[in-house]
Amino acid sequence: MTGFWPEFLLIAVVHLMAVASPGPDFAIVLRYAVQFGRQQAIAASMGIGAAILLHVTWSLVGIAVLIQTTPWLFKVLSFAAAGYLFYIGIMALRSKAPLHPEQAIAGSANEDTPSARKAFVAGFITNGLNPKATLFFLSLFAVIISPMTPLFYKVIYGVYMAVATAAWFCMLSIILTQTKVRGFLLLKGYWFDRLMGLLLLALAMHLVVSSINS
């Protein structure tokens, strides 16, 4: 028990640095917050947090090691992630200026707005298919977490990182959907949405290139 808190605090700091860095998760939450609103952005954030448990489970049962040491499996996962990022990137690039800005700012319903369930799935897939996230958690469990740490503590670490990830992106969702912030982004944010589309396409290309060269 004496080694629990120092190890936990180190994990918390490393995880915070990782989750705060821009990437596919940030891009998808930003897009949902600007384009669809708080409910969808929070649902996507919860999906991202839930996907963390997937990576943690893979690391605990050894599947992450298999992914890392099996080149073809790693490439399949990378190409699948790249394909999904490419798809949502194209969708973001197709963003258009609102036809009725006053209705958009007021938060009127949009027939193209995805359900909370679909937003959750989008967040889950975005994080779950990210092989870089798998390798991050594999490294975390291999380097920072001691082999002598009981499984019960490792489960606590995993649950904490899932909850902390969801909380971080939920906070980001709330900030981005503040009335004034979202009002501005809805009026001019379609350009920002397109920029996020370019970022997602760049991330997809990076995954493809790094997989081919690996």
N, C-alpha and C. Protein backbone atom coordinates (compact mmCIF):
# COMPACT_ATOMS: atom_id res chain seq x y z
N MET A 1 0.83 -1.21 0.00
CA MET A 1 0.00 0.00 0.00
C MET A 1 0.87 1.26 0.00
N THR A 2 2.10 1.15 0.58
CA THR A 2 2.97 2.32 0.68
C THR A 2 3.40 2.83 -0.70
N GLY A 3 3.49 1.91 -1.66
CA GLY A 3 3.92 2.33 -3.00
C GLY A 3 2.77 2.73 -3.89
N PHE A 4 1.55 2.68 -3.40
CA PHE A 4 0.39 2.96 -4.24
C PHE A 4 0.32 4.43 -4.64
N TRP A 5 0.40 5.33 -3.66
CA TRP A 5 0.19 6.74 -3.95
C TRP A 5 1.28 7.35 -4.83
N PRO A 6 2.57 7.10 -4.58
CA PRO A 6 3.59 7.63 -5.49
C PRO A 6 3.41 7.14 -6.93
N GLU A 7 3.10 5.86 -7.07
CA GLU A 7 2.89 5.29 -8.40
C GLU A 7 1.63 5.88 -9.04
N PHE A 8 0.57 6.02 -8.26
CA PHE A 8 -0.68 6.57 -8.77
C PHE A 8 -0.50 8.01 -9.23
N LEU A 9 0.20 8.83 -8.42
CA LEU A 9 0.41 10.23 -8.77
C LEU A 9 1.25 10.36 -10.03
N LEU A 10 2.24 9.51 -10.20
CA LEU A 10 3.06 9.54 -11.41
C LEU A 10 2.22 9.19 -12.63
N ILE A 11 1.37 8.18 -12.48
CA ILE A 11 0.48 7.78 -13.57
C ILE A 11 -0.47 8.92 -13.91
N ALA A 12 -1.01 9.58 -12.88
CA ALA A 12 -1.97 10.67 -13.10
C ALA A 12 -1.33 11.82 -13.87
N VAL A 13 -0.08 12.15 -13.55
CA VAL A 13 0.62 13.25 -14.23
C VAL A 13 0.90 12.89 -15.68
N VAL A 14 1.43 11.69 -15.91
CA VAL A 14 1.74 11.24 -17.27
C VAL A 14 0.47 11.18 -18.11
N HIS A 15 -0.59 10.65 -17.52
CA HIS A 15 -1.86 10.54 -18.25
C HIS A 15 -2.43 11.91 -18.58
N LEU A 16 -2.34 12.86 -17.65
CA LEU A 16 -2.85 14.21 -17.90
C LEU A 16 -2.10 14.85 -19.07
N MET A 17 -0.80 14.69 -19.11
CA MET A 17 -0.01 15.25 -20.20
C MET A 17 -0.42 14.64 -21.54
N ALA A 18 -0.70 13.34 -21.52
CA ALA A 18 -1.08 12.65 -22.75
C ALA A 18 -2.47 13.06 -23.23
N VAL A 19 -3.42 13.12 -22.31
CA VAL A 19 -4.81 13.41 -22.69
C VAL A 19 -4.99 14.86 -23.10
N ALA A 20 -4.13 15.75 -22.59
CA ALA A 20 -4.25 17.17 -22.91
C ALA A 20 -3.61 17.53 -24.24
N SER A 21 -2.79 16.64 -24.79
CA SER A 21 -2.12 16.93 -26.06
C SER A 21 -3.11 16.76 -27.21
N PRO A 22 -3.04 17.63 -28.23
CA PRO A 22 -3.97 17.54 -29.37
C PRO A 22 -3.83 16.21 -30.10
N GLY A 23 -4.94 15.68 -30.55
CA GLY A 23 -4.94 14.43 -31.29
C GLY A 23 -6.33 14.13 -31.80
N PRO A 24 -6.58 12.91 -32.26
CA PRO A 24 -7.90 12.56 -32.78
C PRO A 24 -9.03 12.76 -31.78
N ASP A 25 -8.78 12.45 -30.50
CA ASP A 25 -9.82 12.62 -29.48
C ASP A 25 -10.23 14.09 -29.36
N PHE A 26 -9.23 14.95 -29.28
CA PHE A 26 -9.49 16.39 -29.18
C PHE A 26 -10.26 16.88 -30.40
N ALA A 27 -9.84 16.42 -31.58
CA ALA A 27 -10.46 16.87 -32.82
C ALA A 27 -11.93 16.46 -32.90
N ILE A 28 -12.25 15.23 -32.49
CA ILE A 28 -13.63 14.75 -32.61
C ILE A 28 -14.52 15.46 -31.60
N VAL A 29 -14.03 15.71 -30.38
CA VAL A 29 -14.82 16.42 -29.38
C VAL A 29 -15.05 17.86 -29.82
N LEU A 30 -14.02 18.49 -30.35
CA LEU A 30 -14.14 19.86 -30.82
C LEU A 30 -15.16 19.95 -31.94
N ARG A 31 -15.12 19.02 -32.87
CA ARG A 31 -16.06 19.04 -33.98
C ARG A 31 -17.50 18.84 -33.48
N TYR A 32 -17.71 17.90 -32.59
CA TYR A 32 -19.07 17.65 -32.10
C TYR A 32 -19.58 18.82 -31.27
N ALA A 33 -18.69 19.46 -30.51
CA ALA A 33 -19.10 20.60 -29.70
C ALA A 33 -19.55 21.76 -30.57
N VAL A 34 -18.76 22.05 -31.60
CA VAL A 34 -19.06 23.18 -32.46
C VAL A 34 -20.25 22.88 -33.37
N GLN A 35 -20.24 21.70 -33.98
CA GLN A 35 -21.22 21.39 -35.01
C GLN A 35 -22.58 20.97 -34.44
N PHE A 36 -22.57 20.22 -33.32
CA PHE A 36 -23.81 19.60 -32.87
C PHE A 36 -24.27 20.01 -31.48
N GLY A 37 -23.36 20.50 -30.64
CA GLY A 37 -23.79 20.97 -29.33
C GLY A 37 -23.26 20.15 -28.16
N ARG A 38 -23.63 20.59 -26.96
CA ARG A 38 -23.06 20.04 -25.73
C ARG A 38 -23.42 18.57 -25.51
N GLN A 39 -24.66 18.19 -25.73
CA GLN A 39 -25.07 16.81 -25.46
C GLN A 39 -24.26 15.82 -26.29
N GLN A 40 -24.09 16.12 -27.57
CA GLN A 40 -23.35 15.22 -28.45
C GLN A 40 -21.87 15.22 -28.11
N ALA A 41 -21.32 16.39 -27.76
CA ALA A 41 -19.90 16.46 -27.40
C ALA A 41 -19.61 15.69 -26.12
N ILE A 42 -20.51 15.79 -25.14
CA ILE A 42 -20.32 15.05 -23.89
C ILE A 42 -20.47 13.55 -24.13
N ALA A 43 -21.41 13.17 -25.00
CA ALA A 43 -21.58 11.75 -25.32
C ALA A 43 -20.32 11.21 -25.99
N ALA A 44 -19.73 11.98 -26.91
CA ALA A 44 -18.49 11.56 -27.55
C ALA A 44 -17.37 11.46 -26.52
N SER A 45 -17.35 12.39 -25.57
CA SER A 45 -16.33 12.36 -24.50
C SER A 45 -16.47 11.10 -23.65
N MET A 46 -17.70 10.72 -23.35
CA MET A 46 -17.92 9.50 -22.58
C MET A 46 -17.47 8.26 -23.36
N GLY A 47 -17.68 8.30 -24.68
CA GLY A 47 -17.23 7.20 -25.52
C GLY A 47 -15.72 7.07 -25.51
N ILE A 48 -15.03 8.20 -25.54
CA ILE A 48 -13.57 8.21 -25.48
C ILE A 48 -13.10 7.62 -24.16
N GLY A 49 -13.75 8.04 -23.07
CA GLY A 49 -13.39 7.52 -21.76
C GLY A 49 -13.62 6.02 -21.66
N ALA A 50 -14.72 5.55 -22.21
CA ALA A 50 -15.02 4.11 -22.17
C ALA A 50 -13.98 3.32 -22.96
N ALA A 51 -13.50 3.89 -24.06
CA ALA A 51 -12.51 3.20 -24.89
C ALA A 51 -11.18 3.03 -24.16
N ILE A 52 -10.90 3.91 -23.18
CA ILE A 52 -9.68 3.77 -22.39
C ILE A 52 -9.67 2.41 -21.68
N LEU A 53 -10.85 1.98 -21.23
CA LEU A 53 -10.94 0.68 -20.55
C LEU A 53 -10.56 -0.45 -21.50
N LEU A 54 -10.83 -0.26 -22.79
CA LEU A 54 -10.45 -1.25 -23.79
C LEU A 54 -8.94 -1.39 -23.86
N HIS A 55 -8.23 -0.25 -23.93
CA HIS A 55 -6.77 -0.27 -23.98
C HIS A 55 -6.18 -0.85 -22.69
N VAL A 56 -6.78 -0.49 -21.58
CA VAL A 56 -6.30 -1.00 -20.29
C VAL A 56 -6.45 -2.52 -20.23
N THR A 57 -7.61 -3.00 -20.69
CA THR A 57 -7.86 -4.44 -20.69
C THR A 57 -6.86 -5.16 -21.59
N TRP A 58 -6.62 -4.61 -22.79
CA TRP A 58 -5.64 -5.20 -23.69
C TRP A 58 -4.26 -5.28 -23.04
N SER A 59 -3.90 -4.22 -22.31
CA SER A 59 -2.59 -4.19 -21.67
C SER A 59 -2.51 -5.22 -20.54
N LEU A 60 -3.59 -5.38 -19.79
CA LEU A 60 -3.59 -6.31 -18.66
C LEU A 60 -3.56 -7.77 -19.10
N VAL A 61 -4.24 -8.09 -20.20
CA VAL A 61 -4.32 -9.49 -20.64
C VAL A 61 -3.25 -9.84 -21.67
N GLY A 62 -2.47 -8.84 -22.09
CA GLY A 62 -1.36 -9.14 -22.99
C GLY A 62 -1.63 -8.95 -24.47
N ILE A 63 -2.86 -8.54 -24.83
CA ILE A 63 -3.17 -8.35 -26.25
C ILE A 63 -2.36 -7.19 -26.83
N ALA A 64 -2.09 -6.17 -26.01
CA ALA A 64 -1.30 -5.02 -26.48
C ALA A 64 0.10 -5.46 -26.91
N VAL A 65 0.66 -6.43 -26.18
CA VAL A 65 1.97 -6.95 -26.56
C VAL A 65 1.89 -7.66 -27.90
N LEU A 66 0.80 -8.41 -28.10
CA LEU A 66 0.60 -9.11 -29.38
C LEU A 66 0.49 -8.10 -30.53
N ILE A 67 -0.23 -7.02 -30.29
CA ILE A 67 -0.38 -5.99 -31.33
C ILE A 67 0.97 -5.38 -31.67
N GLN A 68 1.77 -5.12 -30.63
CA GLN A 68 3.06 -4.49 -30.84
C GLN A 68 4.05 -5.41 -31.55
N THR A 69 3.98 -6.69 -31.23
CA THR A 69 4.97 -7.64 -31.77
C THR A 69 4.50 -8.36 -33.03
N THR A 70 3.28 -8.07 -33.49
CA THR A 70 2.76 -8.68 -34.71
C THR A 70 2.54 -7.58 -35.75
N PRO A 71 3.52 -7.38 -36.64
CA PRO A 71 3.47 -6.25 -37.58
C PRO A 71 2.19 -6.17 -38.39
N TRP A 72 1.71 -7.30 -38.91
CA TRP A 72 0.53 -7.25 -39.77
C TRP A 72 -0.71 -6.85 -39.00
N LEU A 73 -0.79 -7.29 -37.73
CA LEU A 73 -1.94 -6.94 -36.90
C LEU A 73 -1.92 -5.45 -36.55
N PHE A 74 -0.72 -4.95 -36.26
CA PHE A 74 -0.58 -3.52 -35.97
C PHE A 74 -0.96 -2.69 -37.19
N LYS A 75 -0.56 -3.14 -38.38
CA LYS A 75 -0.88 -2.40 -39.60
C LYS A 75 -2.37 -2.43 -39.90
N VAL A 76 -3.01 -3.58 -39.66
CA VAL A 76 -4.46 -3.66 -39.88
C VAL A 76 -5.19 -2.67 -38.99
N LEU A 77 -4.79 -2.63 -37.70
CA LEU A 77 -5.42 -1.70 -36.77
C LEU A 77 -5.15 -0.26 -37.18
N SER A 78 -3.91 0.01 -37.63
CA SER A 78 -3.55 1.36 -38.04
C SER A 78 -4.35 1.80 -39.27
N PHE A 79 -4.49 0.91 -40.25
CA PHE A 79 -5.24 1.25 -41.45
C PHE A 79 -6.72 1.45 -41.14
N ALA A 80 -7.25 0.64 -40.22
CA ALA A 80 -8.65 0.80 -39.83
C ALA A 80 -8.86 2.15 -39.17
N ALA A 81 -7.94 2.53 -38.28
CA ALA A 81 -8.03 3.84 -37.62
C ALA A 81 -7.89 4.97 -38.63
N ALA A 82 -6.96 4.81 -39.57
CA ALA A 82 -6.75 5.84 -40.59
C ALA A 82 -7.99 5.99 -41.46
N GLY A 83 -8.61 4.88 -41.81
CA GLY A 83 -9.82 4.93 -42.63
C GLY A 83 -10.95 5.66 -41.93
N TYR A 84 -11.09 5.41 -40.63
CA TYR A 84 -12.16 6.09 -39.88
C TYR A 84 -11.87 7.58 -39.74
N LEU A 85 -10.62 7.92 -39.44
CA LEU A 85 -10.24 9.33 -39.33
C LEU A 85 -10.42 10.05 -40.67
N PHE A 86 -10.11 9.35 -41.75
CA PHE A 86 -10.29 9.93 -43.09
C PHE A 86 -11.77 10.22 -43.34
N TYR A 87 -12.62 9.29 -42.93
CA TYR A 87 -14.06 9.45 -43.14
C TYR A 87 -14.60 10.66 -42.39
N ILE A 88 -14.29 10.76 -41.09
CA ILE A 88 -14.84 11.87 -40.33
C ILE A 88 -14.14 13.19 -40.73
N GLY A 89 -12.91 13.10 -41.23
CA GLY A 89 -12.24 14.29 -41.74
C GLY A 89 -12.94 14.85 -42.96
N ILE A 90 -13.35 13.97 -43.88
CA ILE A 90 -14.08 14.39 -45.07
C ILE A 90 -15.42 15.01 -44.67
N MET A 91 -16.09 14.40 -43.67
CA MET A 91 -17.36 14.96 -43.20
C MET A 91 -17.16 16.38 -42.64
N ALA A 92 -16.05 16.58 -41.93
CA ALA A 92 -15.78 17.90 -41.38
C ALA A 92 -15.47 18.91 -42.47
N LEU A 93 -14.77 18.49 -43.50
CA LEU A 93 -14.43 19.39 -44.61
C LEU A 93 -15.67 19.86 -45.36
N ARG A 94 -16.73 19.10 -45.27
CA ARG A 94 -17.97 19.45 -45.97
C ARG A 94 -18.84 20.42 -45.18
N SER A 95 -18.35 20.88 -44.04
CA SER A 95 -19.12 21.81 -43.21
C SER A 95 -19.42 23.09 -43.99
N LYS A 96 -20.63 23.59 -43.81
CA LYS A 96 -21.06 24.80 -44.50
C LYS A 96 -21.50 25.85 -43.50
N ALA A 97 -21.51 27.09 -43.95
CA ALA A 97 -22.00 28.17 -43.10
C ALA A 97 -23.48 27.96 -42.83
N PRO A 98 -23.97 28.26 -41.61
CA PRO A 98 -25.40 28.08 -41.30
C PRO A 98 -26.28 28.97 -42.17
N LEU A 99 -27.38 28.41 -42.68
CA LEU A 99 -28.30 29.19 -43.51
C LEU A 99 -29.07 30.21 -42.67
N HIS A 100 -29.33 29.84 -41.41
CA HIS A 100 -30.07 30.72 -40.51
C HIS A 100 -29.27 30.87 -39.21
N PRO A 101 -28.27 31.76 -39.19
CA PRO A 101 -27.40 31.90 -38.02
C PRO A 101 -28.15 32.13 -36.72
N GLU A 102 -29.24 32.91 -36.77
CA GLU A 102 -29.96 33.22 -35.54
C GLU A 102 -30.59 31.97 -34.94
N GLN A 103 -31.02 31.05 -35.80
CA GLN A 103 -31.58 29.79 -35.30
C GLN A 103 -30.48 28.89 -34.77
N ALA A 104 -29.34 28.91 -35.44
CA ALA A 104 -28.22 28.08 -35.00
C ALA A 104 -27.75 28.50 -33.61
N ILE A 105 -27.65 29.82 -33.41
CA ILE A 105 -27.20 30.31 -32.11
C ILE A 105 -28.22 29.98 -31.03
N ALA A 106 -29.50 30.03 -31.38
CA ALA A 106 -30.55 29.72 -30.42
C ALA A 106 -30.60 28.25 -30.07
N GLY A 107 -29.91 27.43 -30.88
CA GLY A 107 -29.83 26.01 -30.59
C GLY A 107 -30.98 25.22 -31.14
N SER A 108 -31.57 25.66 -32.24
CA SER A 108 -32.67 24.91 -32.83
C SER A 108 -32.20 23.56 -33.33
N ALA A 109 -33.12 22.63 -33.39
CA ALA A 109 -32.77 21.26 -33.76
C ALA A 109 -32.34 21.19 -35.21
N ASN A 110 -31.38 20.34 -35.46
CA ASN A 110 -30.86 20.11 -36.80
C ASN A 110 -31.12 18.66 -37.15
N GLU A 111 -31.75 18.43 -38.30
CA GLU A 111 -32.11 17.06 -38.65
C GLU A 111 -30.88 16.19 -38.89
N ASP A 112 -29.71 16.84 -39.11
CA ASP A 112 -28.49 16.08 -39.33
C ASP A 112 -27.74 15.82 -38.04
N THR A 113 -28.23 16.32 -36.92
CA THR A 113 -27.55 16.12 -35.64
C THR A 113 -27.63 14.66 -35.22
N PRO A 114 -26.47 14.03 -34.95
CA PRO A 114 -26.49 12.62 -34.56
C PRO A 114 -27.04 12.46 -33.15
N SER A 115 -27.55 11.29 -32.86
CA SER A 115 -28.04 11.01 -31.52
C SER A 115 -26.87 10.90 -30.56
N ALA A 116 -27.17 10.97 -29.26
CA ALA A 116 -26.12 10.83 -28.25
C ALA A 116 -25.45 9.46 -28.37
N ARG A 117 -26.23 8.45 -28.73
CA ARG A 117 -25.67 7.10 -28.89
C ARG A 117 -24.64 7.07 -30.02
N LYS A 118 -24.97 7.70 -31.15
CA LYS A 118 -24.03 7.72 -32.27
C LYS A 118 -22.79 8.52 -31.92
N ALA A 119 -22.96 9.61 -31.17
CA ALA A 119 -21.82 10.41 -30.75
C ALA A 119 -20.91 9.60 -29.81
N PHE A 120 -21.53 8.84 -28.91
CA PHE A 120 -20.77 7.97 -28.00
C PHE A 120 -19.95 6.96 -28.80
N VAL A 121 -20.60 6.33 -29.77
CA VAL A 121 -19.91 5.33 -30.61
C VAL A 121 -18.77 5.96 -31.38
N ALA A 122 -18.99 7.18 -31.89
CA ALA A 122 -17.94 7.87 -32.64
C ALA A 122 -16.72 8.13 -31.76
N GLY A 123 -16.96 8.57 -30.51
CA GLY A 123 -15.85 8.78 -29.59
C GLY A 123 -15.15 7.49 -29.23
N PHE A 124 -15.94 6.43 -29.02
CA PHE A 124 -15.38 5.13 -28.66
C PHE A 124 -14.50 4.59 -29.78
N ILE A 125 -14.99 4.67 -31.01
CA ILE A 125 -14.24 4.14 -32.15
C ILE A 125 -12.97 4.96 -32.38
N THR A 126 -13.09 6.29 -32.28
CA THR A 126 -11.94 7.16 -32.51
C THR A 126 -10.79 6.81 -31.58
N ASN A 127 -11.08 6.60 -30.31
CA ASN A 127 -10.03 6.25 -29.37
C ASN A 127 -9.68 4.77 -29.41
N GLY A 128 -10.71 3.93 -29.54
CA GLY A 128 -10.48 2.49 -29.50
C GLY A 128 -9.64 1.96 -30.64
N LEU A 129 -9.74 2.61 -31.81
CA LEU A 129 -8.97 2.16 -32.97
C LEU A 129 -7.59 2.81 -33.06
N ASN A 130 -7.29 3.67 -32.13
CA ASN A 130 -6.01 4.38 -32.18
C ASN A 130 -4.88 3.49 -31.65
N PRO A 131 -4.01 2.97 -32.52
CA PRO A 131 -2.95 2.09 -32.05
C PRO A 131 -1.94 2.81 -31.18
N LYS A 132 -1.81 4.13 -31.36
CA LYS A 132 -0.89 4.90 -30.53
C LYS A 132 -1.37 4.88 -29.08
N ALA A 133 -2.68 4.91 -28.87
CA ALA A 133 -3.22 4.84 -27.51
C ALA A 133 -2.92 3.48 -26.89
N THR A 134 -3.03 2.43 -27.69
CA THR A 134 -2.72 1.08 -27.20
C THR A 134 -1.27 1.00 -26.75
N LEU A 135 -0.36 1.54 -27.58
CA LEU A 135 1.05 1.49 -27.24
C LEU A 135 1.37 2.37 -26.03
N PHE A 136 0.63 3.48 -25.90
CA PHE A 136 0.83 4.34 -24.73
C PHE A 136 0.52 3.59 -23.45
N PHE A 137 -0.61 2.91 -23.42
CA PHE A 137 -1.00 2.19 -22.21
C PHE A 137 -0.12 0.96 -21.98
N LEU A 138 0.34 0.35 -23.07
CA LEU A 138 1.28 -0.76 -22.93
C LEU A 138 2.56 -0.27 -22.27
N SER A 139 3.07 0.88 -22.73
CA SER A 139 4.28 1.45 -22.15
C SER A 139 4.06 1.84 -20.69
N LEU A 140 2.89 2.38 -20.42
CA LEU A 140 2.55 2.80 -19.06
C LEU A 140 2.59 1.61 -18.11
N PHE A 141 1.97 0.52 -18.52
CA PHE A 141 1.91 -0.66 -17.67
C PHE A 141 3.24 -1.40 -17.61
N ALA A 142 4.08 -1.23 -18.63
CA ALA A 142 5.36 -1.93 -18.68
C ALA A 142 6.48 -1.17 -17.98
N VAL A 143 6.42 0.17 -18.05
CA VAL A 143 7.54 0.98 -17.56
C VAL A 143 7.25 1.62 -16.20
N ILE A 144 6.10 2.24 -16.07
CA ILE A 144 5.80 3.00 -14.85
C ILE A 144 5.21 2.13 -13.76
N ILE A 145 4.29 1.25 -14.15
CA ILE A 145 3.63 0.40 -13.16
C ILE A 145 4.50 -0.82 -12.86
N SER A 146 4.82 -1.01 -11.62
CA SER A 146 5.69 -2.11 -11.22
C SER A 146 5.01 -3.46 -11.46
N PRO A 147 5.80 -4.47 -11.89
CA PRO A 147 5.24 -5.82 -12.05
C PRO A 147 4.69 -6.38 -10.73
N MET A 148 5.19 -5.83 -9.61
CA MET A 148 4.75 -6.31 -8.31
C MET A 148 3.44 -5.66 -7.86
N THR A 149 2.97 -4.67 -8.59
CA THR A 149 1.72 -4.02 -8.23
C THR A 149 0.56 -5.00 -8.37
N PRO A 150 -0.26 -5.16 -7.36
CA PRO A 150 -1.40 -6.10 -7.42
C PRO A 150 -2.36 -5.75 -8.55
N LEU A 151 -3.01 -6.75 -9.10
CA LEU A 151 -3.97 -6.55 -10.18
C LEU A 151 -5.08 -5.60 -9.76
N PHE A 152 -5.49 -5.67 -8.50
CA PHE A 152 -6.56 -4.79 -8.01
C PHE A 152 -6.17 -3.32 -8.19
N TYR A 153 -4.92 -2.98 -7.87
CA TYR A 153 -4.45 -1.61 -8.03
C TYR A 153 -4.40 -1.22 -9.51
N LYS A 154 -3.99 -2.15 -10.35
CA LYS A 154 -3.92 -1.86 -11.78
C LYS A 154 -5.31 -1.56 -12.34
N VAL A 155 -6.29 -2.28 -11.84
CA VAL A 155 -7.67 -2.02 -12.26
C VAL A 155 -8.10 -0.63 -11.81
N ILE A 156 -7.71 -0.26 -10.59
CA ILE A 156 -8.03 1.08 -10.09
C ILE A 156 -7.39 2.14 -10.98
N TYR A 157 -6.13 1.93 -11.37
CA TYR A 157 -5.45 2.86 -12.26
C TYR A 157 -6.23 3.00 -13.57
N GLY A 158 -6.64 1.87 -14.11
CA GLY A 158 -7.35 1.89 -15.39
C GLY A 158 -8.68 2.62 -15.31
N VAL A 159 -9.43 2.35 -14.25
CA VAL A 159 -10.72 3.02 -14.07
C VAL A 159 -10.51 4.52 -13.89
N TYR A 160 -9.48 4.88 -13.11
CA TYR A 160 -9.19 6.30 -12.92
C TYR A 160 -8.90 6.98 -14.26
N MET A 161 -8.06 6.38 -15.10
CA MET A 161 -7.69 7.00 -16.36
C MET A 161 -8.89 7.12 -17.30
N ALA A 162 -9.79 6.14 -17.25
CA ALA A 162 -11.00 6.22 -18.07
C ALA A 162 -11.89 7.37 -17.61
N VAL A 163 -12.09 7.47 -16.28
CA VAL A 163 -12.94 8.53 -15.73
C VAL A 163 -12.29 9.90 -15.95
N ALA A 164 -10.97 9.98 -15.73
CA ALA A 164 -10.27 11.26 -15.90
C ALA A 164 -10.31 11.72 -17.35
N THR A 165 -10.17 10.79 -18.28
CA THR A 165 -10.23 11.14 -19.70
C THR A 165 -11.61 11.68 -20.06
N ALA A 166 -12.65 10.96 -19.63
CA ALA A 166 -14.01 11.41 -19.91
C ALA A 166 -14.27 12.77 -19.27
N ALA A 167 -13.80 12.97 -18.04
CA ALA A 167 -14.01 14.24 -17.34
C ALA A 167 -13.30 15.39 -18.06
N TRP A 168 -12.08 15.13 -18.53
CA TRP A 168 -11.33 16.17 -19.24
C TRP A 168 -12.09 16.63 -20.49
N PHE A 169 -12.54 15.68 -21.28
CA PHE A 169 -13.20 16.05 -22.52
C PHE A 169 -14.61 16.58 -22.28
N CYS A 170 -15.26 16.15 -21.21
CA CYS A 170 -16.56 16.73 -20.86
C CYS A 170 -16.38 18.19 -20.47
N MET A 171 -15.32 18.49 -19.71
CA MET A 171 -15.03 19.88 -19.35
C MET A 171 -14.76 20.71 -20.61
N LEU A 172 -14.00 20.13 -21.53
CA LEU A 172 -13.73 20.81 -22.79
C LEU A 172 -15.02 21.05 -23.56
N SER A 173 -15.91 20.07 -23.54
CA SER A 173 -17.20 20.19 -24.23
C SER A 173 -18.03 21.33 -23.65
N ILE A 174 -18.04 21.45 -22.32
CA ILE A 174 -18.81 22.50 -21.67
C ILE A 174 -18.25 23.89 -22.01
N ILE A 175 -16.92 24.00 -22.02
CA ILE A 175 -16.29 25.28 -22.35
C ILE A 175 -16.60 25.68 -23.78
N LEU A 176 -16.49 24.73 -24.69
CA LEU A 176 -16.68 25.04 -26.11
C LEU A 176 -18.15 25.32 -26.46
N THR A 177 -19.05 24.86 -25.59
CA THR A 177 -20.47 25.07 -25.90
C THR A 177 -21.09 26.17 -25.04
N GLN A 178 -20.26 26.96 -24.39
CA GLN A 178 -20.79 28.16 -23.73
C GLN A 178 -21.46 29.04 -24.79
N THR A 179 -22.52 29.71 -24.42
CA THR A 179 -23.34 30.45 -25.39
C THR A 179 -22.53 31.36 -26.29
N LYS A 180 -21.68 32.19 -25.71
CA LYS A 180 -20.91 33.13 -26.50
C LYS A 180 -19.88 32.43 -27.38
N VAL A 181 -19.22 31.43 -26.80
CA VAL A 181 -18.19 30.71 -27.55
C VAL A 181 -18.80 29.96 -28.71
N ARG A 182 -19.87 29.21 -28.43
CA ARG A 182 -20.48 28.42 -29.50
C ARG A 182 -21.18 29.32 -30.51
N GLY A 183 -21.74 30.44 -30.02
CA GLY A 183 -22.37 31.37 -30.94
C GLY A 183 -21.39 31.88 -31.98
N PHE A 184 -20.19 32.25 -31.51
CA PHE A 184 -19.16 32.69 -32.44
C PHE A 184 -18.73 31.57 -33.38
N LEU A 185 -18.54 30.37 -32.80
CA LEU A 185 -18.07 29.25 -33.61
C LEU A 185 -19.12 28.80 -34.62
N LEU A 186 -20.39 28.94 -34.27
CA LEU A 186 -21.43 28.57 -35.22
C LEU A 186 -21.49 29.53 -36.40
N LEU A 187 -21.16 30.79 -36.13
CA LEU A 187 -21.18 31.78 -37.21
C LEU A 187 -19.94 31.66 -38.09
N LYS A 188 -18.80 31.50 -37.47
CA LYS A 188 -17.54 31.46 -38.23
C LYS A 188 -16.82 30.12 -38.10
N GLY A 189 -17.38 29.27 -37.26
CA GLY A 189 -16.67 28.05 -36.93
C GLY A 189 -16.63 26.99 -38.01
N TYR A 190 -17.41 27.17 -39.11
CA TYR A 190 -17.34 26.16 -40.16
C TYR A 190 -15.95 26.14 -40.79
N TRP A 191 -15.27 27.29 -40.75
CA TRP A 191 -13.87 27.30 -41.21
C TRP A 191 -12.99 26.51 -40.24
N PHE A 192 -13.29 26.68 -38.96
CA PHE A 192 -12.55 25.95 -37.94
C PHE A 192 -12.83 24.46 -38.06
N ASP A 193 -14.08 24.12 -38.36
CA ASP A 193 -14.46 22.73 -38.55
C ASP A 193 -13.70 22.13 -39.73
N ARG A 194 -13.57 22.90 -40.79
CA ARG A 194 -12.81 22.44 -41.95
C ARG A 194 -11.33 22.26 -41.60
N LEU A 195 -10.83 23.14 -40.73
CA LEU A 195 -9.45 23.00 -40.28
C LEU A 195 -9.28 21.70 -39.50
N MET A 196 -10.28 21.38 -38.67
CA MET A 196 -10.24 20.11 -37.94
C MET A 196 -10.29 18.93 -38.91
N GLY A 197 -11.04 19.11 -40.01
CA GLY A 197 -11.08 18.07 -41.04
C GLY A 197 -9.71 17.83 -41.63
N LEU A 198 -8.99 18.92 -41.90
CA LEU A 198 -7.63 18.80 -42.43
C LEU A 198 -6.71 18.12 -41.42
N LEU A 199 -6.90 18.46 -40.12
CA LEU A 199 -6.11 17.83 -39.08
C LEU A 199 -6.37 16.33 -39.02
N LEU A 200 -7.64 15.95 -39.12
CA LEU A 200 -7.99 14.53 -39.08
C LEU A 200 -7.41 13.79 -40.29
N LEU A 201 -7.45 14.43 -41.46
CA LEU A 201 -6.87 13.82 -42.65
C LEU A 201 -5.35 13.69 -42.50
N ALA A 202 -4.72 14.70 -41.90
CA ALA A 202 -3.28 14.64 -41.67
C ALA A 202 -2.94 13.51 -40.70
N LEU A 203 -3.75 13.36 -39.65
CA LEU A 203 -3.53 12.28 -38.70
C LEU A 203 -3.71 10.92 -39.37
N ALA A 204 -4.69 10.82 -40.27
CA ALA A 204 -4.92 9.57 -41.00
C ALA A 204 -3.72 9.25 -41.87
N MET A 205 -3.20 10.26 -42.59
CA MET A 205 -2.03 10.04 -43.45
C MET A 205 -0.81 9.67 -42.62
N HIS A 206 -0.68 10.29 -41.45
CA HIS A 206 0.45 9.98 -40.58
C HIS A 206 0.39 8.52 -40.14
N LEU A 207 -0.80 8.05 -39.79
CA LEU A 207 -0.94 6.64 -39.40
C LEU A 207 -0.56 5.71 -40.53
N VAL A 208 -1.01 6.04 -41.75
CA VAL A 208 -0.71 5.20 -42.92
C VAL A 208 0.79 5.17 -43.19
N VAL A 209 1.41 6.35 -43.23
CA VAL A 209 2.84 6.44 -43.54
C VAL A 209 3.68 5.73 -42.47
N SER A 210 3.36 5.98 -41.20
CA SER A 210 4.13 5.35 -40.13
C SER A 210 3.95 3.83 -40.12
N SER A 211 2.76 3.36 -40.54
CA SER A 211 2.52 1.92 -40.60
C SER A 211 3.30 1.29 -41.76
N ILE A 212 3.35 1.99 -42.88
CA ILE A 212 4.08 1.46 -44.04
C ILE A 212 5.57 1.40 -43.76
N ASN A 213 6.08 2.41 -43.06
CA ASN A 213 7.52 2.50 -42.79
C ASN A 213 7.96 1.68 -41.60
N SER A 214 7.00 1.18 -40.84
CA SER A 214 7.37 0.41 -39.64
C SER A 214 7.78 -1.02 -40.01
